[in-house]
Amino acid sequence: MKVVNHVYPKFEQLMPLAQDSTPGAIAMVNLLKFHDKAQYGDGRSENISGRDAYMRYVAEMGPIVEAAGGRFLFSGDVKGLVIGEVEELWDAVGIAEYPSRAEFQRIATSPEVQAIGVHREAGLAGQLLIMTIGEMFPPMR
């Protein structure tokens, strides 16, 4: 299995979501790999970690997601791999819920998210973003 981290989705990965009218919420699983030190492309010299730069992005992204009817469900540090093999583990996992595919696409391409992307770009070495839908398992009691 080939694994390639990216900072942003490719056009052909993101744009079909705008035309997808399938009803229902989606959950996006973010596998995040951070730079050791933030790498701001605009030349600013911030002496912070990539994780800290990304957390600036998350702090501003939260209200945007919530205003659109979404929410952050989970975040945590990756501490080990129990099944499978990869050359290098991600640093953190985050799961966010969006009301629809089209709303996710709208948020991701909005000017307000583009404006805060500087922190995302400075912090992330790359990520995988996995879209999930529906329920596979029965609700736990």
C-alpha atoms as a PDB file:
ATOM      1  CA  MET A   1       0.000   0.000   0.000  1.00  0.00           C
ATOM      2  CA  LYS A   2       1.381   3.347  -1.024  1.00  0.00           C
ATOM      3  CA  VAL A   3       0.844   6.207   1.455  1.00  0.00           C
ATOM      4  CA  VAL A   4       1.474   9.822   0.428  1.00  0.00           C
ATOM      5  CA  ASN A   5       0.740  12.693   2.807  1.00  0.00           C
ATOM      6  CA  HIS A   6      -0.405  16.062   1.414  1.00  0.00           C
ATOM      7  CA  VAL A   7      -1.252  19.392   3.024  1.00  0.00           C
ATOM      8  CA  TYR A   8      -4.270  20.114   0.770  1.00  0.00           C
ATOM      9  CA  PRO A   9      -6.549  17.917  -1.331  1.00  0.00           C
ATOM     10  CA  LYS A  10      -6.149  17.848  -5.071  1.00  0.00           C
ATOM     11  CA  PHE A  11      -8.851  19.631  -7.082  1.00  0.00           C
ATOM     12  CA  GLU A  12     -10.170  16.340  -8.466  1.00  0.00           C
ATOM     13  CA  GLN A  13     -10.541  14.960  -4.933  1.00  0.00           C
ATOM     14  CA  LEU A  14     -12.420  17.936  -3.492  1.00  0.00           C
ATOM     15  CA  MET A  15     -14.652  19.300  -6.245  1.00  0.00           C
ATOM     16  CA  PRO A  16     -16.969  16.273  -6.703  1.00  0.00           C
ATOM     17  CA  LEU A  17     -18.190  16.821  -3.146  1.00  0.00           C
ATOM     18  CA  ALA A  18     -19.847  20.100  -4.189  1.00  0.00           C
ATOM     19  CA  GLN A  19     -22.150  18.280  -6.603  1.00  0.00           C
ATOM     20  CA  ASP A  20     -22.870  15.362  -4.271  1.00  0.00           C
ATOM     21  CA  SER A  21     -26.364  15.822  -2.850  1.00  0.00           C
ATOM     22  CA  THR A  22     -26.363  12.575  -0.883  1.00  0.00           C
ATOM     23  CA  PRO A  23     -28.063  13.446   2.400  1.00  0.00           C
ATOM     24  CA  GLY A  24     -26.467  12.975   5.765  1.00  0.00           C
ATOM     25  CA  ALA A  25     -23.476  13.924   7.813  1.00  0.00           C
ATOM     26  CA  ILE A  26     -19.928  12.842   7.090  1.00  0.00           C
ATOM     27  CA  ALA A  27     -17.009  12.423   9.457  1.00  0.00           C
ATOM     28  CA  MET A  28     -13.524  13.325   8.303  1.00  0.00           C
ATOM     29  CA  VAL A  29     -10.656  11.406   9.877  1.00  0.00           C
ATOM     30  CA  ASN A  30      -7.470  13.494   9.835  1.00  0.00           C
ATOM     31  CA  LEU A  31      -4.127  11.719  10.194  1.00  0.00           C
ATOM     32  CA  LEU A  32      -1.712  14.572  10.874  1.00  0.00           C
ATOM     33  CA  LYS A  33       2.071  14.816  10.561  1.00  0.00           C
ATOM     34  CA  PHE A  34       3.619  18.024  11.918  1.00  0.00           C
ATOM     35  CA  HIS A  35       6.849  19.841  11.107  1.00  0.00           C
ATOM     36  CA  ASP A  36       9.198  19.907  14.100  1.00  0.00           C
ATOM     37  CA  LYS A  37       9.316  23.698  13.759  1.00  0.00           C
ATOM     38  CA  ALA A  38       6.649  25.857  12.098  1.00  0.00           C
ATOM     39  CA  GLN A  39       7.540  26.831   8.540  1.00  0.00           C
ATOM     40  CA  TYR A  40       5.726  30.030   7.642  1.00  0.00           C
ATOM     41  CA  GLY A  41       5.935  30.707   3.913  1.00  0.00           C
ATOM     42  CA  ASP A  42       5.386  34.447   4.357  1.00  0.00           C
ATOM     43  CA  GLY A  43       8.798  34.865   5.957  1.00  0.00           C
ATOM     44  CA  ARG A  44       7.714  35.438   9.539  1.00  0.00           C
ATOM     45  CA  SER A  45      10.087  34.024  12.101  1.00  0.00           C
ATOM     46  CA  GLU A  46       7.930  32.297  14.661  1.00  0.00           C
ATOM     47  CA  ASN A  47       9.829  30.119  17.078  1.00  0.00           C
ATOM     48  CA  ILE A  48       7.017  27.617  17.616  1.00  0.00           C
ATOM     49  CA  SER A  49       6.470  23.981  16.781  1.00  0.00           C
ATOM     50  CA  GLY A  50       4.528  22.801  13.761  1.00  0.00           C
ATOM     51  CA  ARG A  51       1.922  21.415  16.161  1.00  0.00           C
ATOM     52  CA  ASP A  52       1.504  24.845  17.778  1.00  0.00           C
ATOM     53  CA  ALA A  53       1.079  26.497  14.371  1.00  0.00           C
ATOM     54  CA  TYR A  54      -1.548  23.917  13.419  1.00  0.00           C
ATOM     55  CA  MET A  55      -3.357  24.485  16.725  1.00  0.00           C
ATOM     56  CA  ARG A  56      -3.674  28.169  15.778  1.00  0.00           C
ATOM     57  CA  TYR A  57      -5.469  26.963  12.645  1.00  0.00           C
ATOM     58  CA  VAL A  58      -7.705  24.636  14.688  1.00  0.00           C
ATOM     59  CA  ALA A  59      -8.626  27.435  17.131  1.00  0.00           C
ATOM     60  CA  GLU A  60      -9.865  29.582  14.246  1.00  0.00           C
ATOM     61  CA  MET A  61     -11.398  26.674  12.323  1.00  0.00           C
ATOM     62  CA  GLY A  62     -13.596  25.495  15.213  1.00  0.00           C
ATOM     63  CA  PRO A  63     -16.063  28.411  15.119  1.00  0.00           C
ATOM     64  CA  ILE A  64     -16.256  28.189  11.303  1.00  0.00           C
ATOM     65  CA  VAL A  65     -17.144  24.491  11.438  1.00  0.00           C
ATOM     66  CA  GLU A  66     -19.665  25.015  14.257  1.00  0.00           C
ATOM     67  CA  ALA A  67     -21.367  27.916  12.452  1.00  0.00           C
ATOM     68  CA  ALA A  68     -21.953  25.550   9.505  1.00  0.00           C
ATOM     69  CA  GLY A  69     -23.534  22.871  11.706  1.00  0.00           C
ATOM     70  CA  GLY A  70     -20.425  20.726  12.146  1.00  0.00           C
ATOM     71  CA  ARG A  71     -18.328  19.838  15.156  1.00  0.00           C
ATOM     72  CA  PHE A  72     -14.994  18.456  16.214  1.00  0.00           C
ATOM     73  CA  LEU A  73     -15.553  14.971  17.632  1.00  0.00           C
ATOM     74  CA  PHE A  74     -12.135  13.778  18.741  1.00  0.00           C
ATOM     75  CA  SER A  75      -8.440  14.552  18.759  1.00  0.00           C
ATOM     76  CA  GLY A  76      -5.529  12.643  20.191  1.00  0.00           C
ATOM     77  CA  ASP A  77      -1.841  11.918  19.868  1.00  0.00           C
ATOM     78  CA  VAL A  78      -0.735   8.793  18.012  1.00  0.00           C
ATOM     79  CA  LYS A  79       1.101   6.564  20.480  1.00  0.00           C
ATOM     80  CA  GLY A  80       1.657   3.380  18.507  1.00  0.00           C
ATOM     81  CA  LEU A  81       0.516   1.059  15.761  1.00  0.00           C
ATOM     82  CA  VAL A  82      -1.361  -2.074  16.799  1.00  0.00           C
ATOM     83  CA  ILE A  83      -2.287  -3.566  13.399  1.00  0.00           C
ATOM     84  CA  GLY A  84      -0.466  -3.149  10.099  1.00  0.00           C
ATOM     85  CA  GLU A  85       2.743  -1.451   9.067  1.00  0.00           C
ATOM     86  CA  VAL A  86       3.752   2.032   7.932  1.00  0.00           C
ATOM     87  CA  GLU A  87       7.186   3.503   7.513  1.00  0.00           C
ATOM     88  CA  GLU A  88       6.413   6.468   9.760  1.00  0.00           C
ATOM     89  CA  LEU A  89       3.474   7.098  12.097  1.00  0.00           C
ATOM     90  CA  TRP A  90       1.408  10.255  12.063  1.00  0.00           C
ATOM     91  CA  ASP A  91       1.632  12.551  15.082  1.00  0.00           C
ATOM     92  CA  ALA A  92      -2.063  13.062  15.795  1.00  0.00           C
ATOM     93  CA  VAL A  93      -5.569  12.063  14.747  1.00  0.00           C
ATOM     94  CA  GLY A  94      -8.565  14.370  14.587  1.00  0.00           C
ATOM     95  CA  ILE A  95     -12.150  13.596  13.649  1.00  0.00           C
ATOM     96  CA  ALA A  96     -14.570  16.307  12.538  1.00  0.00           C
ATOM     97  CA  GLU A  97     -18.213  15.959  11.555  1.00  0.00           C
ATOM     98  CA  TYR A  98     -19.831  18.027   8.792  1.00  0.00           C
ATOM     99  CA  PRO A  99     -23.555  18.151   7.959  1.00  0.00           C
ATOM    100  CA  SER A 100     -22.974  17.091   4.324  1.00  0.00           C
ATOM    101  CA  ARG A 101     -20.350  16.519   1.674  1.00  0.00           C
ATOM    102  CA  ALA A 102     -21.291  19.753  -0.067  1.00  0.00           C
ATOM    103  CA  GLU A 103     -21.006  21.746   3.168  1.00  0.00           C
ATOM    104  CA  PHE A 104     -17.545  20.317   3.811  1.00  0.00           C
ATOM    105  CA  GLN A 105     -16.483  21.368   0.313  1.00  0.00           C
ATOM    106  CA  ARG A 106     -17.968  24.835   0.803  1.00  0.00           C
ATOM    107  CA  ILE A 107     -16.126  25.306   4.093  1.00  0.00           C
ATOM    108  CA  ALA A 108     -12.829  23.947   2.753  1.00  0.00           C
ATOM    109  CA  THR A 109     -12.857  26.363  -0.189  1.00  0.00           C
ATOM    110  CA  SER A 110     -14.237  29.399   1.654  1.00  0.00           C
ATOM    111  CA  PRO A 111     -12.243  32.649   1.815  1.00  0.00           C
ATOM    112  CA  GLU A 112     -12.287  32.566   5.628  1.00  0.00           C
ATOM    113  CA  VAL A 113     -10.611  29.150   5.687  1.00  0.00           C
ATOM    114  CA  GLN A 114      -8.154  30.213   2.988  1.00  0.00           C
ATOM    115  CA  ALA A 115      -7.218  33.193   5.196  1.00  0.00           C
ATOM    116  CA  ILE A 116      -6.259  30.997   8.156  1.00  0.00           C
ATOM    117  CA  GLY A 117      -4.497  28.417   5.973  1.00  0.00           C
ATOM    118  CA  VAL A 118      -1.148  30.068   6.663  1.00  0.00           C
ATOM    119  CA  HIS A 119      -1.085  28.327  10.064  1.00  0.00           C
ATOM    120  CA  ARG A 120      -2.107  24.980   8.566  1.00  0.00           C
ATOM    121  CA  GLU A 121       0.641  25.214   5.954  1.00  0.00           C
ATOM    122  CA  ALA A 122       3.229  26.261   8.532  1.00  0.00           C
ATOM    123  CA  GLY A 123       2.385  23.398  10.843  1.00  0.00           C
ATOM    124  CA  LEU A 124       1.680  20.414   8.637  1.00  0.00           C
ATOM    125  CA  ALA A 125       4.314  18.283   6.980  1.00  0.00           C
ATOM    126  CA  GLY A 126       1.327  16.421   5.512  1.00  0.00           C
ATOM    127  CA  GLN A 127      -1.804  14.489   6.275  1.00  0.00           C
ATOM    128  CA  LEU A 128      -4.285  11.920   5.100  1.00  0.00           C
ATOM    129  CA  LEU A 129      -7.942  12.962   5.161  1.00  0.00           C
ATOM    130  CA  ILE A 130     -10.398  10.080   5.089  1.00  0.00           C
ATOM    131  CA  MET A 131     -14.124  10.692   4.483  1.00  0.00           C
ATOM    132  CA  THR A 132     -16.502   8.350   6.292  1.00  0.00           C
ATOM    133  CA  ILE A 133     -20.272   7.994   6.101  1.00  0.00           C
ATOM    134  CA  GLY A 134     -22.967   6.006   7.858  1.00  0.00           C
ATOM    135  CA  GLU A 135     -22.745   3.508  10.658  1.00  0.00           C
ATOM    136  CA  MET A 136     -20.862   0.275  10.274  1.00  0.00           C
ATOM    137  CA  PHE A 137     -21.299  -0.931  13.805  1.00  0.00           C
ATOM    138  CA  PRO A 138     -24.460  -0.959  15.910  1.00  0.00           C
ATOM    139  CA  PRO A 139     -24.574   1.715  18.622  1.00  0.00           C
ATOM    140  CA  MET A 140     -22.742   0.711  21.787  1.00  0.00           C
ATOM    141  CA  ARG A 141     -24.689   0.583  25.016  1.00  0.00           C
END
